[in-house]
Amino acid sequence: MYGFFMPTVNLMGEDSVKEIGEQIKTLGKEKALVVTDEVLVEIGIVGDVVGDVVGYIEDAGIEAVVFDGVQPNPTVTNVEDGLALLEEEDCDVVVSLGGGSPHDCAKGIALVATNGGSIKDYEGVDQSSEPMMPLVAVNTTAGTASEMTRFCIITDEERHIKMAIVDWRVTPNVSINDPVLMMKKPPALTAATGMDALTHAVEAYMSTIATPVTDSAALMAIELIANNLRNAVANGDNFEARDNMAYAQFLAGMAFNNASLGFVHGMAHQLGGFYDLPHGVCNAILLPHVTEYNLISNPQRVADIAEAMGENIEGLSTRDAADKGIEAIFKLSTDIGIPEKLSDIEGVKEEDFPTLAENALADACSATNPRCATKEQVIGIFEAAF
């Protein structure tokens, strides 16, 4: 038996964010905690967006309080600080504004607000017992799809790991993907978030619990990313590329939200938690190596990925076509400026790989990887990517 999870309401397209006030009113709420990213606010672009979104909320007669203390890899402390402000201000709805970091932090805040305890109590699958506080997620990057998924990733600073919280109760009530909010994002951020979306689609397509529904979303996401990510990185004002990437990341979210992921995310979570590294970059570096490791489990699926990425596989054997898929992933990553190897990232050490591998195998995302692995084999993938 398979389930399918996504928000009840999903708004997309130009100026869709202007509907946020009305969406909050339909939830019957009166005061919103707006959760956003301190780093993106400092850039200035999102700072303007925060003001606009708060304005749309207040125009609908709803009060708004801003919490901008979210780190790029949101932590247990971030969740606790946001929850304290929510309770102090007596807010009854949460709005997340930004990319994956604000969305995940907001989910943590909303979940603990109604279930109590610490966000650490909810690590794993469906550990909550009560619906979270209503959450409206406004997306500003084309990557994580956290605005519409049941996944919440929070860094536990004490253990130096990223906790995977997979719970249908953290699915936002409303998601908003307005490409206007994604314009002018820096090329490096566009590249990293775009490769995160590609990883979602590829891992969902290779997952042991993929279905025809998730397959259709994953393949369309891969096609859209292959055709638009380079343009979005090259010219941040390219509206068509931004709009298509918004759809692509949403489709990838539909896929992995229901088919789950694999070793790329299981391993990337450890790199991010251990070294505080950008998630999309870790995914991008690991993706071709994990896909190569997984190839023997289902070479036809990797060949399908090659075709979706625009590779000419006519007349090739399944294995040769699959090789083109792996090459296409690597080529896209390098074209948009992602580092080629983990050794290109300051701080990553080979001596940490045994610990990282052990934690990766315990990560909830690794459970649906299409090929089993020993700790030594996961270490080998880390080494190949190094």
Protein backbone atom coordinates (compact mmCIF):
# COMPACT_ATOMS: atom_id res chain seq x y z
CA MET A 1 0.00 0.00 0.00
CA TYR A 2 1.22 3.50 -0.85
CA GLY A 3 0.07 6.93 0.32
CA PHE A 4 0.33 10.33 -1.32
CA PHE A 5 0.95 13.48 0.71
CA MET A 6 0.99 17.17 -0.20
CA PRO A 7 -0.53 20.43 1.07
CA THR A 8 -4.26 20.99 0.69
CA VAL A 9 -3.75 24.29 -1.16
CA ASN A 10 -0.86 25.04 -3.54
CA LEU A 11 -0.66 28.42 -5.28
CA MET A 12 1.74 28.92 -8.18
CA GLY A 13 2.59 31.58 -10.73
CA GLU A 14 3.26 35.29 -10.94
CA ASP A 15 1.89 37.35 -8.02
CA SER A 16 0.41 34.30 -6.26
CA VAL A 17 2.06 35.52 -3.03
CA LYS A 18 -0.43 38.38 -2.91
CA GLU A 19 -3.07 35.84 -1.89
CA ILE A 20 -1.34 35.00 1.40
CA GLY A 21 -3.54 37.22 3.56
CA GLU A 22 -6.72 35.65 2.21
CA GLN A 23 -5.29 32.17 2.72
CA ILE A 24 -4.56 32.92 6.37
CA LYS A 25 -8.08 34.31 6.79
CA THR A 26 -9.55 31.07 5.42
CA LEU A 27 -7.69 29.27 8.20
CA GLY A 28 -9.48 31.50 10.72
CA LYS A 29 -6.26 32.93 12.20
CA GLU A 30 -5.43 36.42 13.43
CA LYS A 31 -1.70 36.73 14.20
CA ALA A 32 1.18 35.27 12.21
CA LEU A 33 4.77 34.47 13.14
CA VAL A 34 6.78 35.03 9.93
CA VAL A 35 9.85 32.79 10.02
CA THR A 36 12.69 33.75 7.69
CA ASP A 37 16.45 33.45 7.15
CA GLU A 38 18.80 35.98 8.73
CA VAL A 39 21.42 35.48 6.00
CA LEU A 40 18.97 36.10 3.17
CA VAL A 41 17.63 39.15 4.96
CA GLU A 42 21.17 40.55 5.07
CA ILE A 43 21.49 40.10 1.29
CA GLY A 44 18.75 42.69 0.96
CA ILE A 45 16.68 40.92 -1.69
CA VAL A 46 14.70 38.87 0.78
CA GLY A 47 14.65 41.81 3.17
CA ASP A 48 12.47 43.62 0.61
CA VAL A 49 10.37 40.50 0.16
CA VAL A 50 9.77 40.23 3.91
CA GLY A 51 8.37 43.74 3.95
CA ASP A 52 6.14 43.01 0.97
CA VAL A 53 4.82 39.74 2.42
CA VAL A 54 4.19 41.28 5.83
CA GLY A 55 2.29 44.02 3.99
CA TYR A 56 0.10 41.49 2.16
CA ILE A 57 -0.65 39.81 5.48
CA GLU A 58 -1.49 43.03 7.29
CA ASP A 59 -3.62 44.29 4.40
CA ALA A 60 -5.89 41.33 5.13
CA GLY A 61 -6.31 42.50 8.73
CA ILE A 62 -3.89 40.00 10.24
CA GLU A 63 -1.05 40.94 12.59
CA ALA A 64 2.48 39.79 11.78
CA VAL A 65 5.62 39.29 13.88
CA VAL A 66 8.94 38.52 12.17
CA PHE A 67 11.44 35.93 13.44
CA ASP A 68 14.58 36.18 11.29
CA GLY A 69 16.91 34.08 13.43
CA VAL A 70 17.08 31.02 11.17
CA GLN A 71 20.55 29.76 10.23
CA PRO A 72 21.33 28.21 6.81
CA ASN A 73 21.21 24.79 8.51
CA PRO A 74 18.41 25.37 11.06
CA THR A 75 19.19 24.13 14.54
CA VAL A 76 17.38 22.94 17.64
CA THR A 77 18.18 26.33 19.18
CA ASN A 78 16.61 28.16 16.21
CA VAL A 79 13.40 26.19 16.74
CA GLU A 80 13.42 26.95 20.47
CA ASP A 81 14.02 30.67 19.89
CA GLY A 82 11.25 30.90 17.31
CA LEU A 83 8.86 29.01 19.58
CA ALA A 84 9.62 31.38 22.44
CA LEU A 85 8.73 34.39 20.27
CA LEU A 86 5.56 32.68 19.02
CA GLU A 87 4.41 32.06 22.59
CA GLU A 88 5.45 35.52 23.79
CA GLU A 89 3.49 37.19 20.97
CA ASP A 90 0.56 34.75 21.20
CA CYS A 91 0.63 33.94 17.48
CA ASP A 92 -1.86 31.41 16.14
CA VAL A 93 -0.43 30.72 12.66
CA VAL A 94 3.09 30.31 11.27
CA VAL A 95 4.30 31.66 7.93
CA SER A 96 7.62 30.44 6.53
CA LEU A 97 9.33 32.71 4.01
CA GLY A 98 12.48 31.70 2.15
CA GLY A 99 14.04 28.41 1.13
CA GLY A 100 14.41 25.12 2.95
CA SER A 101 15.91 26.57 6.12
CA PRO A 102 12.99 28.82 7.13
CA HIS A 103 10.46 26.18 6.05
CA ASP A 104 12.11 23.46 8.15
CA CYS A 105 12.52 25.74 11.17
CA ALA A 106 8.90 26.87 10.88
CA LYS A 107 7.75 23.25 10.74
CA GLY A 108 9.72 22.54 13.90
CA ILE A 109 8.20 25.55 15.65
CA ALA A 110 4.66 24.70 14.59
CA LEU A 111 5.05 21.03 15.55
CA VAL A 112 6.42 21.65 19.04
CA ALA A 113 3.87 24.43 19.60
CA THR A 114 1.06 21.87 19.65
CA ASN A 115 2.85 18.65 20.64
CA GLY A 116 5.17 19.99 23.36
CA GLY A 117 8.61 18.81 24.37
CA SER A 118 11.65 19.34 22.14
CA ILE A 119 11.95 19.02 18.39
CA LYS A 120 14.45 16.24 19.14
CA ASP A 121 11.56 14.13 20.37
CA TYR A 122 10.19 13.87 16.83
CA GLU A 123 13.21 12.53 14.95
CA GLY A 124 12.20 9.62 12.73
CA VAL A 125 8.91 8.80 11.04
CA ASP A 126 5.49 10.00 12.30
CA GLN A 127 6.51 10.56 15.91
CA SER A 128 3.98 13.31 16.64
CA SER A 129 0.46 12.79 17.95
CA GLU A 130 -1.23 16.16 17.34
CA PRO A 131 -1.60 18.34 14.24
CA MET A 132 0.92 21.17 14.16
CA MET A 133 -0.11 24.81 14.29
CA PRO A 134 -1.35 25.95 10.84
CA LEU A 135 1.54 26.74 8.49
CA VAL A 136 1.58 28.76 5.26
CA ALA A 137 4.87 28.28 3.37
CA VAL A 138 6.03 30.95 0.92
CA ASN A 139 8.94 29.76 -1.20
CA THR A 140 11.73 32.01 -2.53
CA THR A 141 14.13 29.40 -3.96
CA ALA A 142 13.72 26.62 -6.51
CA GLY A 143 15.23 23.70 -4.71
CA THR A 144 14.24 22.11 -1.45
CA ALA A 145 10.46 21.79 -1.95
CA SER A 146 10.19 21.95 1.84
CA GLU A 147 7.25 24.30 1.36
CA MET A 148 5.14 21.30 0.32
CA THR A 149 6.69 18.21 1.92
CA ARG A 150 6.37 16.18 5.11
CA PHE A 151 10.15 16.33 5.63
CA CYS A 152 11.77 18.56 8.26
CA ILE A 153 15.55 18.59 8.69
CA ILE A 154 16.94 20.14 11.88
CA THR A 155 20.56 20.13 13.05
CA ASP A 156 21.19 18.85 16.56
CA GLU A 157 24.19 20.93 17.62
CA GLU A 158 25.07 18.61 20.49
CA ARG A 159 25.37 15.49 18.32
CA HIS A 160 26.55 17.32 15.17
CA ILE A 161 23.97 15.54 13.03
CA LYS A 162 20.99 16.53 10.94
CA MET A 163 17.81 14.97 12.26
CA ALA A 164 15.36 13.76 9.63
CA ILE A 165 11.81 14.31 10.83
CA VAL A 166 9.41 12.66 8.38
CA ASP A 167 5.85 13.22 9.52
CA TRP A 168 2.65 13.87 7.57
CA ARG A 169 1.66 16.32 10.29
CA VAL A 170 4.44 18.76 9.29
CA THR A 171 3.03 19.13 5.78
CA PRO A 172 2.16 22.83 5.37
CA ASN A 173 -1.50 23.73 4.97
CA VAL A 174 -0.74 26.09 2.09
CA SER A 175 2.27 26.36 -0.22
CA ILE A 176 2.99 29.40 -2.41
CA ASN A 177 5.51 29.37 -5.26
CA ASP A 178 5.69 32.79 -6.87
CA PRO A 179 8.59 33.00 -9.37
CA VAL A 180 8.75 36.77 -8.87
CA LEU A 181 10.21 36.08 -5.40
CA MET A 182 12.93 33.94 -6.96
CA MET A 183 14.27 36.61 -9.32
CA LYS A 184 17.74 38.04 -8.72
CA LYS A 185 18.84 35.24 -6.39
CA PRO A 186 22.65 34.88 -6.52
CA PRO A 187 23.99 32.37 -9.07
CA ALA A 188 25.62 30.16 -6.43
CA LEU A 189 22.36 29.88 -4.47
CA THR A 190 20.42 29.21 -7.67
CA ALA A 191 22.89 26.48 -8.63
CA ALA A 192 22.91 24.74 -5.24
CA THR A 193 19.15 24.77 -4.79
CA GLY A 194 18.62 23.63 -8.38
CA MET A 195 20.90 20.64 -7.89
CA ASP A 196 19.05 19.85 -4.68
CA ALA A 197 15.85 19.66 -6.74
CA LEU A 198 17.54 17.41 -9.30
CA THR A 199 18.72 15.13 -6.51
CA HIS A 200 15.18 14.90 -5.16
CA ALA A 201 13.86 13.87 -8.55
CA VAL A 202 16.63 11.36 -9.31
CA GLU A 203 16.51 9.72 -5.89
CA ALA A 204 12.71 9.52 -5.95
CA TYR A 205 12.83 7.90 -9.39
CA MET A 206 15.37 5.34 -8.17
CA SER A 207 13.60 4.73 -4.84
CA THR A 208 12.41 1.29 -3.81
CA ILE A 209 8.92 2.70 -3.18
CA ALA A 210 8.53 4.71 -6.40
CA THR A 211 5.09 4.54 -8.03
CA PRO A 212 3.75 5.59 -11.44
CA VAL A 213 2.50 8.78 -9.79
CA THR A 214 5.90 9.72 -8.36
CA ASP A 215 7.69 8.58 -11.53
CA SER A 216 5.70 10.99 -13.68
CA ALA A 217 6.53 13.91 -11.40
CA ALA A 218 10.20 12.95 -11.10
CA LEU A 219 10.82 12.60 -14.85
CA MET A 220 9.12 15.91 -15.67
CA ALA A 221 11.14 17.60 -12.93
CA ILE A 222 14.39 16.20 -14.35
CA GLU A 223 13.47 17.42 -17.84
CA LEU A 224 12.58 20.92 -16.64
CA ILE A 225 15.77 21.22 -14.58
CA ALA A 226 17.98 20.05 -17.44
CA ASN A 227 16.37 22.61 -19.75
CA ASN A 228 16.24 25.60 -17.37
CA LEU A 229 18.78 25.48 -14.54
CA ARG A 230 21.73 26.68 -16.62
CA ASN A 231 19.66 29.65 -17.84
CA ALA A 232 18.50 30.51 -14.33
CA VAL A 233 22.11 30.51 -13.09
CA ALA A 234 23.39 32.51 -16.07
CA ASN A 235 20.67 35.16 -15.88
CA GLY A 236 18.77 35.54 -12.64
CA ASP A 237 16.26 37.85 -14.35
CA ASN A 238 15.17 35.16 -16.81
CA PHE A 239 11.52 34.87 -15.78
CA GLU A 240 10.75 31.83 -17.93
CA ALA A 241 13.68 29.90 -16.45
CA ARG A 242 12.68 30.91 -12.91
CA ASP A 243 9.05 29.95 -13.50
CA ASN A 244 10.00 26.57 -14.94
CA MET A 245 12.41 25.90 -12.08
CA ALA A 246 9.63 26.70 -9.60
CA TYR A 247 7.49 24.03 -11.22
CA ALA A 248 10.44 21.65 -11.43
CA GLN A 249 11.32 21.83 -7.76
CA PHE A 250 7.64 21.45 -6.83
CA LEU A 251 7.30 18.34 -9.01
CA ALA A 252 10.50 16.94 -7.50
CA GLY A 253 8.95 17.58 -4.09
CA MET A 254 5.81 15.72 -5.09
CA ALA A 255 8.01 12.80 -6.10
CA PHE A 256 10.29 12.49 -3.08
CA ASN A 257 7.62 13.48 -0.57
CA ASN A 258 5.96 10.19 -1.44
CA ALA A 259 8.74 7.96 -2.82
CA SER A 260 11.36 9.24 -0.33
CA LEU A 261 15.06 9.48 -1.15
CA GLY A 262 18.29 7.50 -0.81
CA PHE A 263 21.97 7.51 0.05
CA VAL A 264 22.68 10.95 -1.46
CA HIS A 265 20.53 12.62 1.17
CA GLY A 266 21.51 10.17 3.89
CA MET A 267 25.16 11.07 3.28
CA ALA A 268 24.64 14.78 2.59
CA HIS A 269 22.79 15.20 5.88
CA GLN A 270 25.89 13.99 7.70
CA LEU A 271 28.20 16.36 5.84
CA GLY A 272 25.85 19.25 6.58
CA GLY A 273 25.42 18.38 10.24
CA PHE A 274 29.09 17.59 10.87
CA TYR A 275 30.68 20.51 9.01
CA ASP A 276 27.76 22.95 8.62
CA LEU A 277 27.98 22.76 4.82
CA PRO A 278 25.38 23.88 2.23
CA HIS A 279 22.99 21.01 1.59
CA GLY A 280 22.55 21.53 -2.15
CA VAL A 281 26.30 21.53 -2.80
CA CYS A 282 26.77 18.30 -0.83
CA ASN A 283 23.95 16.69 -2.80
CA ALA A 284 25.36 17.84 -6.12
CA ILE A 285 28.82 16.42 -5.44
CA LEU A 286 27.49 13.09 -4.17
CA LEU A 287 24.72 12.56 -6.75
CA PRO A 288 26.75 11.17 -9.68
CA HIS A 289 28.76 8.91 -7.36
CA VAL A 290 25.74 7.46 -5.59
CA THR A 291 23.92 7.06 -8.93
CA GLU A 292 26.90 5.13 -10.28
CA TYR A 293 26.89 2.92 -7.18
CA ASN A 294 23.14 2.32 -7.60
CA LEU A 295 23.35 1.68 -11.35
CA ILE A 296 23.39 -2.12 -11.17
CA SER A 297 20.13 -2.12 -9.20
CA ASN A 298 18.16 -0.73 -12.15
CA PRO A 299 20.20 0.45 -15.16
CA GLN A 300 17.02 1.14 -17.16
CA ARG A 301 15.99 3.82 -14.68
CA VAL A 302 19.34 5.56 -15.01
CA ALA A 303 18.94 5.36 -18.80
CA ASP A 304 15.51 6.99 -18.41
CA ILE A 305 17.19 9.80 -16.47
CA ALA A 306 19.65 10.29 -19.34
CA GLU A 307 16.79 10.64 -21.80
CA ALA A 308 14.94 13.07 -19.53
CA MET A 309 18.11 15.18 -19.37
CA GLY A 310 18.15 15.42 -23.15
CA GLU A 311 20.83 12.85 -23.93
CA ASN A 312 20.60 11.01 -27.25
CA ILE A 313 20.48 7.33 -26.25
CA GLU A 314 19.14 5.96 -29.52
CA GLY A 315 20.90 2.74 -30.47
CA LEU A 316 22.77 2.46 -27.18
CA SER A 317 22.67 -0.48 -24.83
CA THR A 318 20.86 0.12 -21.56
CA ARG A 319 24.17 0.22 -19.72
CA ASP A 320 25.75 2.70 -22.13
CA ALA A 321 22.64 4.88 -21.95
CA ALA A 322 22.81 4.76 -18.16
CA ASP A 323 26.43 5.91 -18.28
CA LYS A 324 25.27 8.94 -20.27
CA GLY A 325 22.82 9.74 -17.47
CA ILE A 326 25.59 9.84 -14.89
CA GLU A 327 27.75 11.95 -17.22
CA ALA A 328 24.85 14.38 -17.79
CA ILE A 329 24.38 14.88 -14.05
CA PHE A 330 28.07 15.63 -13.56
CA LYS A 331 28.19 17.95 -16.59
CA LEU A 332 25.22 20.00 -15.39
CA SER A 333 26.76 20.33 -11.95
CA THR A 334 30.12 21.51 -13.26
CA ASP A 335 28.54 23.84 -15.84
CA ILE A 336 26.80 25.82 -13.09
CA GLY A 337 29.87 26.11 -10.89
CA ILE A 338 29.37 23.42 -8.25
CA PRO A 339 32.68 22.13 -6.79
CA GLU A 340 33.62 18.80 -8.36
CA LYS A 341 34.88 17.06 -5.23
CA LEU A 342 34.39 17.07 -1.48
CA SER A 343 38.09 17.85 -1.14
CA ASP A 344 37.32 21.21 -2.79
CA ILE A 345 35.27 22.13 0.28
CA GLU A 346 37.25 23.39 3.25
CA GLY A 347 36.98 21.27 6.37
CA VAL A 348 35.97 17.86 5.01
CA LYS A 349 38.35 15.18 6.32
CA GLU A 350 38.75 11.58 5.16
CA GLU A 351 39.29 10.40 8.72
CA ASP A 352 35.68 11.36 9.49
CA PHE A 353 34.22 9.12 6.77
CA PRO A 354 33.67 6.05 9.02
CA THR A 355 31.54 8.12 11.41
CA LEU A 356 29.72 9.85 8.58
CA ALA A 357 29.03 6.51 6.87
CA GLU A 358 27.66 4.94 10.03
CA ASN A 359 25.33 7.88 10.61
CA ALA A 360 24.28 7.91 6.94
CA LEU A 361 23.14 4.30 7.09
CA ALA A 362 20.97 5.20 10.10
CA ASP A 363 19.41 8.20 8.32
CA ALA A 364 15.72 7.74 7.47
CA CYS A 365 16.35 8.75 3.86
CA SER A 366 18.72 5.83 3.27
CA ALA A 367 16.00 3.22 3.87
CA THR A 368 14.66 3.50 0.32
CA ASN A 369 17.98 3.49 -1.54
CA PRO A 370 17.72 0.92 -4.38
CA ARG A 371 20.97 -0.84 -3.54
CA CYS A 372 21.99 -2.03 -0.09
CA ALA A 373 25.38 -1.07 1.29
CA THR A 374 27.75 -1.91 4.08
CA LYS A 375 29.46 0.77 6.10
CA GLU A 376 32.63 0.09 4.08
CA GLN A 377 30.79 0.62 0.80
CA VAL A 378 29.38 3.96 1.96
CA ILE A 379 32.87 4.98 3.02
CA GLY A 380 33.93 4.02 -0.51
CA ILE A 381 31.34 6.39 -2.01
CA PHE A 382 32.58 9.21 0.22
CA GLU A 383 36.14 8.43 -0.93
CA ALA A 384 35.14 8.39 -4.59
CA ALA A 385 33.53 11.82 -4.16
CA PHE A 386 36.56 13.15 -2.28
